[in-house]
């Protein structure tokens, strides 16, 4: 077994002596337990999850779906970049969701702004779908569609070969399609990337780097 157990453990005794779990000698990727939990992955606002160590190739088409729940108005959702300018990025900035794509000719952005008093940062689950099809990009939040015109119609492929960073990214990693450096605080679930007929559901417990991220359980309410 190479990954930790997604569970709560309490009242552990060894040779009839109860262990003090309030002041451990060292701690790694351990969070407090909650009375009520939901399926999903909890991001504590300090780090990120890194997926696909060998690099993810966005190229001409990708469809990203995920669900998020947060009370913060800023936070990185997802980024895949290259060493050059090609990249995609999803982020929450001032309570709006932005989907950025650069196929090499310039960055274009689809922006979803909640209508009226509707907030995406209300601590409730919201469904997001971001689609890149050659030079076209669109964003669907809770069933509402926004898309944007792309003047660079000849440029259709985002030639990335870097990991997928979710919820943030390391300080020494370049992200060409993210404007925020704020790590996401809240919960994510059901992250799926689809290319053509190939659909991949990402399990955060299998990330090759996890910092401030707790797979498989979200507190039932923000603490």
C-alpha atoms as a PDB file:
ATOM      1  CA  UNK A   1       0.000   0.000   0.000  1.00  0.00           C
ATOM      2  CA  UNK A   2       1.554   3.252  -1.101  1.00  0.00           C
ATOM      3  CA  UNK A   3      -1.046   5.829  -0.090  1.00  0.00           C
ATOM      4  CA  UNK A   4      -2.636   6.852   3.205  1.00  0.00           C
ATOM      5  CA  UNK A   5      -6.038   5.817   4.474  1.00  0.00           C
ATOM      6  CA  UNK A   6      -8.865   8.322   3.925  1.00  0.00           C
ATOM      7  CA  UNK A   7     -10.375   7.929   7.371  1.00  0.00           C
ATOM      8  CA  UNK A   8     -10.493   9.205  10.937  1.00  0.00           C
ATOM      9  CA  UNK A   9      -8.552   7.364  13.631  1.00  0.00           C
ATOM     10  CA  UNK A  10      -9.013   8.074  17.335  1.00  0.00           C
ATOM     11  CA  UNK A  11      -8.352   6.698  20.817  1.00  0.00           C
ATOM     12  CA  UNK A  12      -5.328   4.657  19.826  1.00  0.00           C
ATOM     13  CA  UNK A  13      -3.545   2.777  22.591  1.00  0.00           C
ATOM     14  CA  UNK A  14      -0.286   0.840  22.522  1.00  0.00           C
ATOM     15  CA  UNK A  15       0.405  -1.515  25.449  1.00  0.00           C
ATOM     16  CA  UNK A  16      -2.592  -0.002  27.243  1.00  0.00           C
ATOM     17  CA  UNK A  17      -1.095   3.502  26.979  1.00  0.00           C
ATOM     18  CA  UNK A  18      -3.173   6.064  25.088  1.00  0.00           C
ATOM     19  CA  UNK A  19      -1.242   7.977  22.430  1.00  0.00           C
ATOM     20  CA  UNK A  20      -1.331  11.768  22.593  1.00  0.00           C
ATOM     21  CA  UNK A  21      -2.402  12.803  19.093  1.00  0.00           C
ATOM     22  CA  UNK A  22      -2.675  16.479  20.050  1.00  0.00           C
ATOM     23  CA  UNK A  23       1.100  17.024  20.092  1.00  0.00           C
ATOM     24  CA  UNK A  24       2.716  14.661  17.567  1.00  0.00           C
ATOM     25  CA  UNK A  25       6.477  14.590  17.002  1.00  0.00           C
ATOM     26  CA  UNK A  26       5.848  15.044  13.272  1.00  0.00           C
ATOM     27  CA  UNK A  27       2.799  15.306  11.052  1.00  0.00           C
ATOM     28  CA  UNK A  28       2.219  14.990   7.313  1.00  0.00           C
ATOM     29  CA  UNK A  29      -1.069  15.321   5.377  1.00  0.00           C
ATOM     30  CA  UNK A  30      -3.212  14.811   8.449  1.00  0.00           C
ATOM     31  CA  UNK A  31      -6.262  16.945   9.003  1.00  0.00           C
ATOM     32  CA  UNK A  32      -8.705  17.147  11.884  1.00  0.00           C
ATOM     33  CA  UNK A  33     -11.799  14.978  11.743  1.00  0.00           C
ATOM     34  CA  UNK A  34     -15.229  16.500  11.271  1.00  0.00           C
ATOM     35  CA  UNK A  35     -18.611  15.531  12.685  1.00  0.00           C
ATOM     36  CA  UNK A  36     -20.139  15.606   9.207  1.00  0.00           C
ATOM     37  CA  UNK A  37     -18.258  14.934   6.004  1.00  0.00           C
ATOM     38  CA  UNK A  38     -19.097  14.860   2.297  1.00  0.00           C
ATOM     39  CA  UNK A  39     -17.461  13.119  -0.626  1.00  0.00           C
ATOM     40  CA  UNK A  40     -14.842  15.307  -2.228  1.00  0.00           C
ATOM     41  CA  UNK A  41     -11.331  16.595  -1.619  1.00  0.00           C
ATOM     42  CA  UNK A  42     -10.613  19.353   0.883  1.00  0.00           C
ATOM     43  CA  UNK A  43      -8.113  22.101  -0.021  1.00  0.00           C
ATOM     44  CA  UNK A  44      -7.071  24.114   3.021  1.00  0.00           C
ATOM     45  CA  UNK A  45      -5.960  27.187   1.044  1.00  0.00           C
ATOM     46  CA  UNK A  46      -2.228  26.642   1.464  1.00  0.00           C
ATOM     47  CA  UNK A  47      -1.203  24.292  -1.333  1.00  0.00           C
ATOM     48  CA  UNK A  48      -2.132  22.270  -4.397  1.00  0.00           C
ATOM     49  CA  UNK A  49      -2.446  18.824  -5.959  1.00  0.00           C
ATOM     50  CA  UNK A  50      -0.135  17.855  -8.819  1.00  0.00           C
ATOM     51  CA  UNK A  51      -1.377  15.225 -11.272  1.00  0.00           C
ATOM     52  CA  UNK A  52       0.164  13.512 -14.337  1.00  0.00           C
ATOM     53  CA  UNK A  53       3.873  13.763 -13.527  1.00  0.00           C
ATOM     54  CA  UNK A  54       4.855  12.895 -17.098  1.00  0.00           C
ATOM     55  CA  UNK A  55       2.877  15.863 -18.480  1.00  0.00           C
ATOM     56  CA  UNK A  56      -0.622  16.405 -19.836  1.00  0.00           C
ATOM     57  CA  UNK A  57      -1.039  17.241 -23.521  1.00  0.00           C
ATOM     58  CA  UNK A  58      -4.024  19.559 -24.026  1.00  0.00           C
ATOM     59  CA  UNK A  59      -3.508  20.068 -27.773  1.00  0.00           C
ATOM     60  CA  UNK A  60      -6.603  20.929 -29.822  1.00  0.00           C
ATOM     61  CA  UNK A  61      -9.494  19.715 -27.659  1.00  0.00           C
ATOM     62  CA  UNK A  62     -10.246  19.202 -23.998  1.00  0.00           C
ATOM     63  CA  UNK A  63     -13.403  19.210 -21.891  1.00  0.00           C
ATOM     64  CA  UNK A  64     -12.997  19.747 -18.146  1.00  0.00           C
ATOM     65  CA  UNK A  65     -15.781  19.144 -15.644  1.00  0.00           C
ATOM     66  CA  UNK A  66     -15.636  19.498 -11.881  1.00  0.00           C
ATOM     67  CA  UNK A  67     -17.717  20.532  -8.906  1.00  0.00           C
ATOM     68  CA  UNK A  68     -16.502  23.063  -6.365  1.00  0.00           C
ATOM     69  CA  UNK A  69     -17.637  24.493  -3.050  1.00  0.00           C
ATOM     70  CA  UNK A  70     -15.993  27.525  -1.471  1.00  0.00           C
ATOM     71  CA  UNK A  71     -16.579  30.667   0.579  1.00  0.00           C
ATOM     72  CA  UNK A  72     -13.432  32.394  -0.777  1.00  0.00           C
ATOM     73  CA  UNK A  73     -13.713  34.853  -3.680  1.00  0.00           C
ATOM     74  CA  UNK A  74     -10.213  34.066  -5.020  1.00  0.00           C
ATOM     75  CA  UNK A  75      -8.525  30.779  -5.821  1.00  0.00           C
ATOM     76  CA  UNK A  76      -6.819  28.725  -8.501  1.00  0.00           C
ATOM     77  CA  UNK A  77      -8.909  25.803  -9.737  1.00  0.00           C
ATOM     78  CA  UNK A  78      -6.698  24.225 -12.409  1.00  0.00           C
ATOM     79  CA  UNK A  79      -3.732  25.021 -14.604  1.00  0.00           C
ATOM     80  CA  UNK A  80      -1.789  23.216 -17.310  1.00  0.00           C
ATOM     81  CA  UNK A  81       1.075  25.168 -18.814  1.00  0.00           C
ATOM     82  CA  UNK A  82       4.086  24.776 -21.065  1.00  0.00           C
ATOM     83  CA  UNK A  83       7.531  26.322 -20.844  1.00  0.00           C
ATOM     84  CA  UNK A  84       6.487  28.648 -23.681  1.00  0.00           C
ATOM     85  CA  UNK A  85       3.126  30.481 -23.785  1.00  0.00           C
ATOM     86  CA  UNK A  86       0.753  27.610 -24.547  1.00  0.00           C
ATOM     87  CA  UNK A  87      -1.470  26.894 -21.547  1.00  0.00           C
ATOM     88  CA  UNK A  88      -4.956  26.637 -20.091  1.00  0.00           C
ATOM     89  CA  UNK A  89      -6.151  27.904 -16.720  1.00  0.00           C
ATOM     90  CA  UNK A  90      -9.274  27.950 -14.556  1.00  0.00           C
ATOM     91  CA  UNK A  91      -9.539  30.308 -11.584  1.00  0.00           C
ATOM     92  CA  UNK A  92     -11.904  32.242  -9.346  1.00  0.00           C
ATOM     93  CA  UNK A  93     -11.114  35.970  -9.225  1.00  0.00           C
ATOM     94  CA  UNK A  94     -13.350  38.428  -7.345  1.00  0.00           C
ATOM     95  CA  UNK A  95     -16.086  35.787  -7.282  1.00  0.00           C
ATOM     96  CA  UNK A  96     -16.030  35.283 -11.074  1.00  0.00           C
ATOM     97  CA  UNK A  97     -14.853  32.122 -12.834  1.00  0.00           C
ATOM     98  CA  UNK A  98     -12.277  32.685 -15.577  1.00  0.00           C
ATOM     99  CA  UNK A  99     -11.241  30.134 -18.205  1.00  0.00           C
ATOM    100  CA  UNK A 100      -8.060  31.166 -20.014  1.00  0.00           C
ATOM    101  CA  UNK A 101      -6.591  29.494 -23.095  1.00  0.00           C
ATOM    102  CA  UNK A 102      -3.436  30.328 -25.043  1.00  0.00           C
ATOM    103  CA  UNK A 103      -2.862  28.266 -28.184  1.00  0.00           C
ATOM    104  CA  UNK A 104       0.377  30.155 -28.840  1.00  0.00           C
ATOM    105  CA  UNK A 105      -0.961  33.319 -30.483  1.00  0.00           C
ATOM    106  CA  UNK A 106      -2.343  35.050 -27.379  1.00  0.00           C
ATOM    107  CA  UNK A 107      -4.455  34.471 -24.293  1.00  0.00           C
ATOM    108  CA  UNK A 108      -8.251  34.528 -24.579  1.00  0.00           C
ATOM    109  CA  UNK A 109     -10.614  34.352 -21.633  1.00  0.00           C
ATOM    110  CA  UNK A 110     -14.204  33.263 -21.059  1.00  0.00           C
ATOM    111  CA  UNK A 111     -15.564  34.930 -17.902  1.00  0.00           C
ATOM    112  CA  UNK A 112     -18.571  33.774 -15.918  1.00  0.00           C
ATOM    113  CA  UNK A 113     -20.005  36.478 -13.688  1.00  0.00           C
ATOM    114  CA  UNK A 114     -22.840  35.480 -11.331  1.00  0.00           C
ATOM    115  CA  UNK A 115     -26.049  37.403 -11.964  1.00  0.00           C
ATOM    116  CA  UNK A 116     -27.458  39.715  -9.312  1.00  0.00           C
ATOM    117  CA  UNK A 117     -26.896  38.525  -5.782  1.00  0.00           C
ATOM    118  CA  UNK A 118     -26.161  34.944  -6.862  1.00  0.00           C
ATOM    119  CA  UNK A 119     -22.766  34.000  -5.540  1.00  0.00           C
ATOM    120  CA  UNK A 120     -20.500  31.137  -6.536  1.00  0.00           C
ATOM    121  CA  UNK A 121     -18.697  31.561  -3.201  1.00  0.00           C
ATOM    122  CA  UNK A 122     -21.657  30.679  -0.997  1.00  0.00           C
ATOM    123  CA  UNK A 123     -20.316  27.390   0.368  1.00  0.00           C
ATOM    124  CA  UNK A 124     -22.677  25.373  -1.865  1.00  0.00           C
ATOM    125  CA  UNK A 125     -21.736  22.956  -4.632  1.00  0.00           C
ATOM    126  CA  UNK A 126     -21.485  24.406  -8.151  1.00  0.00           C
ATOM    127  CA  UNK A 127     -20.919  22.489 -11.362  1.00  0.00           C
ATOM    128  CA  UNK A 128     -18.350  23.757 -13.845  1.00  0.00           C
ATOM    129  CA  UNK A 129     -17.661  22.703 -17.417  1.00  0.00           C
ATOM    130  CA  UNK A 130     -14.843  24.288 -19.435  1.00  0.00           C
ATOM    131  CA  UNK A 131     -14.493  23.335 -23.074  1.00  0.00           C
ATOM    132  CA  UNK A 132     -11.733  24.046 -25.564  1.00  0.00           C
ATOM    133  CA  UNK A 133     -12.396  22.946 -29.114  1.00  0.00           C
ATOM    134  CA  UNK A 134      -9.566  24.110 -31.382  1.00  0.00           C
ATOM    135  CA  UNK A 135      -9.786  27.939 -31.168  1.00  0.00           C
ATOM    136  CA  UNK A 136     -13.239  28.012 -29.527  1.00  0.00           C
ATOM    137  CA  UNK A 137     -13.641  28.132 -25.753  1.00  0.00           C
ATOM    138  CA  UNK A 138     -16.716  28.054 -23.541  1.00  0.00           C
ATOM    139  CA  UNK A 139     -17.590  27.886 -19.871  1.00  0.00           C
ATOM    140  CA  UNK A 140     -20.772  26.468 -18.340  1.00  0.00           C
ATOM    141  CA  UNK A 141     -21.511  27.104 -14.664  1.00  0.00           C
ATOM    142  CA  UNK A 142     -24.634  25.483 -13.181  1.00  0.00           C
ATOM    143  CA  UNK A 143     -26.055  25.192 -16.696  1.00  0.00           C
ATOM    144  CA  UNK A 144     -25.373  28.824 -17.771  1.00  0.00           C
ATOM    145  CA  UNK A 145     -23.186  29.098 -20.872  1.00  0.00           C
ATOM    146  CA  UNK A 146     -20.656  31.810 -21.705  1.00  0.00           C
ATOM    147  CA  UNK A 147     -18.293  31.758 -24.647  1.00  0.00           C
ATOM    148  CA  UNK A 148     -15.916  34.232 -26.154  1.00  0.00           C
ATOM    149  CA  UNK A 149     -14.744  35.200 -29.623  1.00  0.00           C
ATOM    150  CA  UNK A 150     -11.205  34.238 -30.466  1.00  0.00           C
ATOM    151  CA  UNK A 151      -9.429  36.444 -33.019  1.00  0.00           C
ATOM    152  CA  UNK A 152      -6.631  33.867 -33.382  1.00  0.00           C
ATOM    153  CA  UNK A 153      -8.581  31.353 -35.432  1.00  0.00           C
ATOM    154  CA  UNK A 154      -5.485  29.890 -37.126  1.00  0.00           C
ATOM    155  CA  UNK A 155      -3.987  28.888 -33.784  1.00  0.00           C
ATOM    156  CA  UNK A 156      -5.799  25.795 -32.503  1.00  0.00           C
ATOM    157  CA  UNK A 157      -3.464  23.686 -30.340  1.00  0.00           C
ATOM    158  CA  UNK A 158      -2.240  24.298 -26.776  1.00  0.00           C
ATOM    159  CA  UNK A 159       1.006  22.352 -26.850  1.00  0.00           C
ATOM    160  CA  UNK A 160       1.443  21.574 -23.161  1.00  0.00           C
ATOM    161  CA  UNK A 161       3.483  18.778 -21.648  1.00  0.00           C
ATOM    162  CA  UNK A 162       3.492  19.750 -17.960  1.00  0.00           C
ATOM    163  CA  UNK A 163       1.595  18.374 -14.952  1.00  0.00           C
ATOM    164  CA  UNK A 164      -1.964  19.371 -14.127  1.00  0.00           C
ATOM    165  CA  UNK A 165      -1.933  21.581 -11.043  1.00  0.00           C
ATOM    166  CA  UNK A 166      -5.204  21.744  -9.120  1.00  0.00           C
ATOM    167  CA  UNK A 167      -6.048  24.224  -6.365  1.00  0.00           C
ATOM    168  CA  UNK A 168      -2.768  26.118  -6.711  1.00  0.00           C
ATOM    169  CA  UNK A 169       0.807  25.587  -7.861  1.00  0.00           C
ATOM    170  CA  UNK A 170       4.367  25.782  -6.502  1.00  0.00           C
ATOM    171  CA  UNK A 171       6.087  29.178  -6.425  1.00  0.00           C
ATOM    172  CA  UNK A 172       8.799  28.005  -8.841  1.00  0.00           C
ATOM    173  CA  UNK A 173       6.348  26.708 -11.459  1.00  0.00           C
ATOM    174  CA  UNK A 174       5.305  28.966 -14.337  1.00  0.00           C
ATOM    175  CA  UNK A 175       1.608  29.136 -15.204  1.00  0.00           C
ATOM    176  CA  UNK A 176       0.934  31.163 -18.344  1.00  0.00           C
ATOM    177  CA  UNK A 177      -2.859  31.079 -18.112  1.00  0.00           C
ATOM    178  CA  UNK A 178      -3.402  31.922 -14.451  1.00  0.00           C
ATOM    179  CA  UNK A 179      -3.472  35.446 -13.027  1.00  0.00           C
ATOM    180  CA  UNK A 180      -4.013  34.453  -9.381  1.00  0.00           C
ATOM    181  CA  UNK A 181      -1.453  32.986  -7.035  1.00  0.00           C
ATOM    182  CA  UNK A 182      -4.097  32.317  -4.346  1.00  0.00           C
ATOM    183  CA  UNK A 183      -4.501  28.666  -3.479  1.00  0.00           C
ATOM    184  CA  UNK A 184      -8.081  27.402  -3.482  1.00  0.00           C
ATOM    185  CA  UNK A 185      -9.783  26.937  -0.115  1.00  0.00           C
ATOM    186  CA  UNK A 186     -12.800  24.672  -0.184  1.00  0.00           C
ATOM    187  CA  UNK A 187     -13.803  21.351  -1.698  1.00  0.00           C
ATOM    188  CA  UNK A 188     -13.552  19.849  -5.165  1.00  0.00           C
ATOM    189  CA  UNK A 189     -15.031  16.633  -6.508  1.00  0.00           C
ATOM    190  CA  UNK A 190     -15.592  14.740  -9.765  1.00  0.00           C
ATOM    191  CA  UNK A 191     -12.694  16.224 -11.745  1.00  0.00           C
ATOM    192  CA  UNK A 192     -12.970  14.714 -15.231  1.00  0.00           C
ATOM    193  CA  UNK A 193     -10.936  15.575 -18.340  1.00  0.00           C
ATOM    194  CA  UNK A 194     -12.233  14.299 -21.663  1.00  0.00           C
ATOM    195  CA  UNK A 195     -10.388  14.229 -24.990  1.00  0.00           C
ATOM    196  CA  UNK A 196     -12.385  12.718 -27.812  1.00  0.00           C
ATOM    197  CA  UNK A 197     -13.459   9.260 -26.649  1.00  0.00           C
ATOM    198  CA  UNK A 198     -11.004   9.200 -23.730  1.00  0.00           C
ATOM    199  CA  UNK A 199     -12.468  10.209 -20.362  1.00  0.00           C
ATOM    200  CA  UNK A 200     -10.361  10.325 -17.205  1.00  0.00           C
ATOM    201  CA  UNK A 201     -11.673  10.777 -13.644  1.00  0.00           C
ATOM    202  CA  UNK A 202      -8.832  11.997 -11.428  1.00  0.00           C
ATOM    203  CA  UNK A 203      -8.378  10.547  -7.952  1.00  0.00           C
ATOM    204  CA  UNK A 204      -6.552  13.099  -5.803  1.00  0.00           C
ATOM    205  CA  UNK A 205      -5.152  10.396  -3.527  1.00  0.00           C
ATOM    206  CA  UNK A 206      -3.045   9.309  -6.514  1.00  0.00           C
ATOM    207  CA  UNK A 207      -1.502  12.763  -7.060  1.00  0.00           C
ATOM    208  CA  UNK A 208       2.318  12.713  -7.149  1.00  0.00           C
ATOM    209  CA  UNK A 209       2.464  15.844  -4.972  1.00  0.00           C
ATOM    210  CA  UNK A 210      -0.163  16.927  -2.419  1.00  0.00           C
ATOM    211  CA  UNK A 211       0.261  19.945  -0.158  1.00  0.00           C
ATOM    212  CA  UNK A 212      -2.556  21.136   2.065  1.00  0.00           C
ATOM    213  CA  UNK A 213      -4.941  18.773   0.261  1.00  0.00           C
ATOM    214  CA  UNK A 214      -6.952  16.009   1.931  1.00  0.00           C
ATOM    215  CA  UNK A 215      -8.459  13.453  -0.489  1.00  0.00           C
ATOM    216  CA  UNK A 216     -11.825  11.729  -0.132  1.00  0.00           C
ATOM    217  CA  UNK A 217     -13.464  13.858   2.567  1.00  0.00           C
ATOM    218  CA  UNK A 218     -14.715  17.416   2.946  1.00  0.00           C
ATOM    219  CA  UNK A 219     -15.982  18.977   6.128  1.00  0.00           C
ATOM    220  CA  UNK A 220     -19.784  19.170   5.949  1.00  0.00           C
ATOM    221  CA  UNK A 221     -19.568  22.916   6.555  1.00  0.00           C
ATOM    222  CA  UNK A 222     -16.712  25.404   6.464  1.00  0.00           C
ATOM    223  CA  UNK A 223     -14.641  25.629   9.641  1.00  0.00           C
END
